[in-house]
Amino acid sequence: MRVTQSGSEVTLHISDLREEFGSNPVGTLSSDGDFHFGPGVVIVDPDPAIPGNEINAQGTFDGTFSGTTMDIDFDFTALTCHAVGTIVGQR
């Protein structure tokens, strides 16, 4: 997953992971590496070949960036589906 920063604003490029993610969460990054997005919306497109079937997933991303590592917890709900997990990465 690609992460970019502009000032205190950070974008998690989750659309790089799967084409079904139609948008990328944007949040804030504090000086000590704490990241927060949400509550907010990520657009999910279950079948990108079919226009107009996108849905909004509501939720949060919270975590830390430290040195070359990131650790982000997520909690999202789309319609009746609820997803909770952790993204761990290293650059």
C-alpha atoms as a PDB file:
ATOM      1  CA  MET A   1       0.000   0.000   0.000  1.00  0.00           C
ATOM      2  CA  ARG A   2       1.254   3.457  -0.895  1.00  0.00           C
ATOM      3  CA  VAL A   3       1.116   6.279   1.675  1.00  0.00           C
ATOM      4  CA  THR A   4       1.666   9.934   0.747  1.00  0.00           C
ATOM      5  CA  GLN A   5       1.874  13.024   2.926  1.00  0.00           C
ATOM      6  CA  SER A   6       1.275  16.714   2.298  1.00  0.00           C
ATOM      7  CA  GLY A   7       1.862  18.734   5.460  1.00  0.00           C
ATOM      8  CA  SER A   8      -0.142  17.103   8.258  1.00  0.00           C
ATOM      9  CA  GLU A   9      -2.481  15.397   5.751  1.00  0.00           C
ATOM     10  CA  VAL A  10      -1.854  11.736   4.895  1.00  0.00           C
ATOM     11  CA  THR A  11      -3.475   9.647   2.165  1.00  0.00           C
ATOM     12  CA  LEU A  12      -3.656   5.848   2.408  1.00  0.00           C
ATOM     13  CA  HIS A  13      -3.761   4.610  -1.193  1.00  0.00           C
ATOM     14  CA  ILE A  14      -5.849   1.495  -0.553  1.00  0.00           C
ATOM     15  CA  SER A  15      -7.008   1.630  -4.185  1.00  0.00           C
ATOM     16  CA  ASP A  16      -3.535   0.257  -5.003  1.00  0.00           C
ATOM     17  CA  LEU A  17      -4.474  -2.951  -3.131  1.00  0.00           C
ATOM     18  CA  ARG A  18      -7.613  -3.889  -5.114  1.00  0.00           C
ATOM     19  CA  GLU A  19      -9.565  -2.281  -7.925  1.00  0.00           C
ATOM     20  CA  GLU A  20     -12.758  -2.596  -5.850  1.00  0.00           C
ATOM     21  CA  PHE A  21     -11.597   0.291  -3.636  1.00  0.00           C
ATOM     22  CA  GLY A  22     -12.894   3.376  -5.427  1.00  0.00           C
ATOM     23  CA  SER A  23     -11.423   6.011  -3.118  1.00  0.00           C
ATOM     24  CA  ASN A  24      -8.583   6.533  -0.684  1.00  0.00           C
ATOM     25  CA  PRO A  25      -8.887   7.646   2.939  1.00  0.00           C
ATOM     26  CA  VAL A  26      -7.279  10.961   3.830  1.00  0.00           C
ATOM     27  CA  GLY A  27      -6.480  11.777   7.428  1.00  0.00           C
ATOM     28  CA  THR A  28      -4.139  13.688   9.677  1.00  0.00           C
ATOM     29  CA  LEU A  29      -0.707  12.797  10.998  1.00  0.00           C
ATOM     30  CA  SER A  30       0.526  14.285  14.262  1.00  0.00           C
ATOM     31  CA  SER A  31       4.152  15.173  14.945  1.00  0.00           C
ATOM     32  CA  ASP A  32       4.562  11.989  17.011  1.00  0.00           C
ATOM     33  CA  GLY A  33       3.381   9.730  14.153  1.00  0.00           C
ATOM     34  CA  ASP A  34      -0.243   9.155  15.168  1.00  0.00           C
ATOM     35  CA  PHE A  35      -2.552   8.816  12.139  1.00  0.00           C
ATOM     36  CA  HIS A  36      -6.319   9.343  12.218  1.00  0.00           C
ATOM     37  CA  PHE A  37      -8.976   9.137   9.510  1.00  0.00           C
ATOM     38  CA  GLY A  38     -12.650   9.168  10.298  1.00  0.00           C
ATOM     39  CA  PRO A  39     -15.267   8.725  10.795  1.00  0.00           C
ATOM     40  CA  GLY A  40     -15.375   8.932   7.015  1.00  0.00           C
ATOM     41  CA  VAL A  41     -16.331   7.243   3.773  1.00  0.00           C
ATOM     42  CA  VAL A  42     -14.433   4.906   1.461  1.00  0.00           C
ATOM     43  CA  ILE A  43     -16.189   4.060  -1.816  1.00  0.00           C
ATOM     44  CA  VAL A  44     -16.358   0.328  -2.560  1.00  0.00           C
ATOM     45  CA  ASP A  45     -17.113  -0.877  -6.103  1.00  0.00           C
ATOM     46  CA  PRO A  46     -17.978  -4.600  -5.922  1.00  0.00           C
ATOM     47  CA  ASP A  47     -17.714  -5.040  -9.708  1.00  0.00           C
ATOM     48  CA  PRO A  48     -15.791  -2.257 -11.469  1.00  0.00           C
ATOM     49  CA  ALA A  49     -17.108  -3.497 -14.852  1.00  0.00           C
ATOM     50  CA  ILE A  50     -20.675  -2.560 -13.833  1.00  0.00           C
ATOM     51  CA  PRO A  51     -21.280   1.207 -13.609  1.00  0.00           C
ATOM     52  CA  GLY A  52     -23.335   2.632 -10.763  1.00  0.00           C
ATOM     53  CA  ASN A  53     -23.028  -0.222  -8.244  1.00  0.00           C
ATOM     54  CA  GLU A  54     -20.698   1.609  -5.839  1.00  0.00           C
ATOM     55  CA  ILE A  55     -21.460   1.665  -2.111  1.00  0.00           C
ATOM     56  CA  ASN A  56     -20.095   3.756   0.747  1.00  0.00           C
ATOM     57  CA  ALA A  57     -18.230   2.082   3.584  1.00  0.00           C
ATOM     58  CA  GLN A  58     -18.278   4.135   6.804  1.00  0.00           C
ATOM     59  CA  GLY A  59     -15.542   3.844   9.372  1.00  0.00           C
ATOM     60  CA  THR A  60     -12.165   4.785  10.794  1.00  0.00           C
ATOM     61  CA  PHE A  61      -8.450   4.173  10.384  1.00  0.00           C
ATOM     62  CA  ASP A  62      -6.223   4.842  13.408  1.00  0.00           C
ATOM     63  CA  GLY A  63      -2.583   4.015  13.872  1.00  0.00           C
ATOM     64  CA  THR A  64       1.018   5.091  13.984  1.00  0.00           C
ATOM     65  CA  PHE A  65       3.861   5.731  11.585  1.00  0.00           C
ATOM     66  CA  SER A  66       7.273   5.333  13.205  1.00  0.00           C
ATOM     67  CA  GLY A  67      10.534   5.311  11.304  1.00  0.00           C
ATOM     68  CA  THR A  68      10.057   2.759   8.536  1.00  0.00           C
ATOM     69  CA  THR A  69       7.005   0.988  10.007  1.00  0.00           C
ATOM     70  CA  MET A  70       3.266   1.596  10.108  1.00  0.00           C
ATOM     71  CA  ASP A  71       0.600  -0.056  12.218  1.00  0.00           C
ATOM     72  CA  ILE A  72      -2.995   0.926  11.378  1.00  0.00           C
ATOM     73  CA  ASP A  73      -6.248  -0.433  12.836  1.00  0.00           C
ATOM     74  CA  PHE A  74      -9.423  -0.145  10.756  1.00  0.00           C
ATOM     75  CA  ASP A  75     -13.128  -0.553  11.520  1.00  0.00           C
ATOM     76  CA  PHE A  76     -15.540  -0.209   8.576  1.00  0.00           C
ATOM     77  CA  THR A  77     -19.158  -1.072   7.845  1.00  0.00           C
ATOM     78  CA  ALA A  78     -20.720  -1.333   4.363  1.00  0.00           C
ATOM     79  CA  LEU A  79     -24.420  -2.201   4.272  1.00  0.00           C
ATOM     80  CA  THR A  80     -24.566  -5.287   6.549  1.00  0.00           C
ATOM     81  CA  CYS A  81     -20.855  -6.196   6.293  1.00  0.00           C
ATOM     82  CA  HIS A  82     -18.546  -5.158   9.140  1.00  0.00           C
ATOM     83  CA  ALA A  83     -14.741  -5.393   8.783  1.00  0.00           C
ATOM     84  CA  VAL A  84     -12.202  -4.876  11.573  1.00  0.00           C
ATOM     85  CA  GLY A  85      -8.492  -5.490  11.271  1.00  0.00           C
ATOM     86  CA  THR A  86      -4.921  -4.232  11.312  1.00  0.00           C
ATOM     87  CA  ILE A  87      -2.599  -3.185   8.495  1.00  0.00           C
ATOM     88  CA  VAL A  88       1.086  -3.580   9.320  1.00  0.00           C
ATOM     89  CA  GLY A  89       3.749  -2.458   6.887  1.00  0.00           C
ATOM     90  CA  GLN A  90       7.348  -1.495   6.437  1.00  0.00           C
ATOM     91  CA  ARG A  91       9.082   0.574   3.803  1.00  0.00           C
END
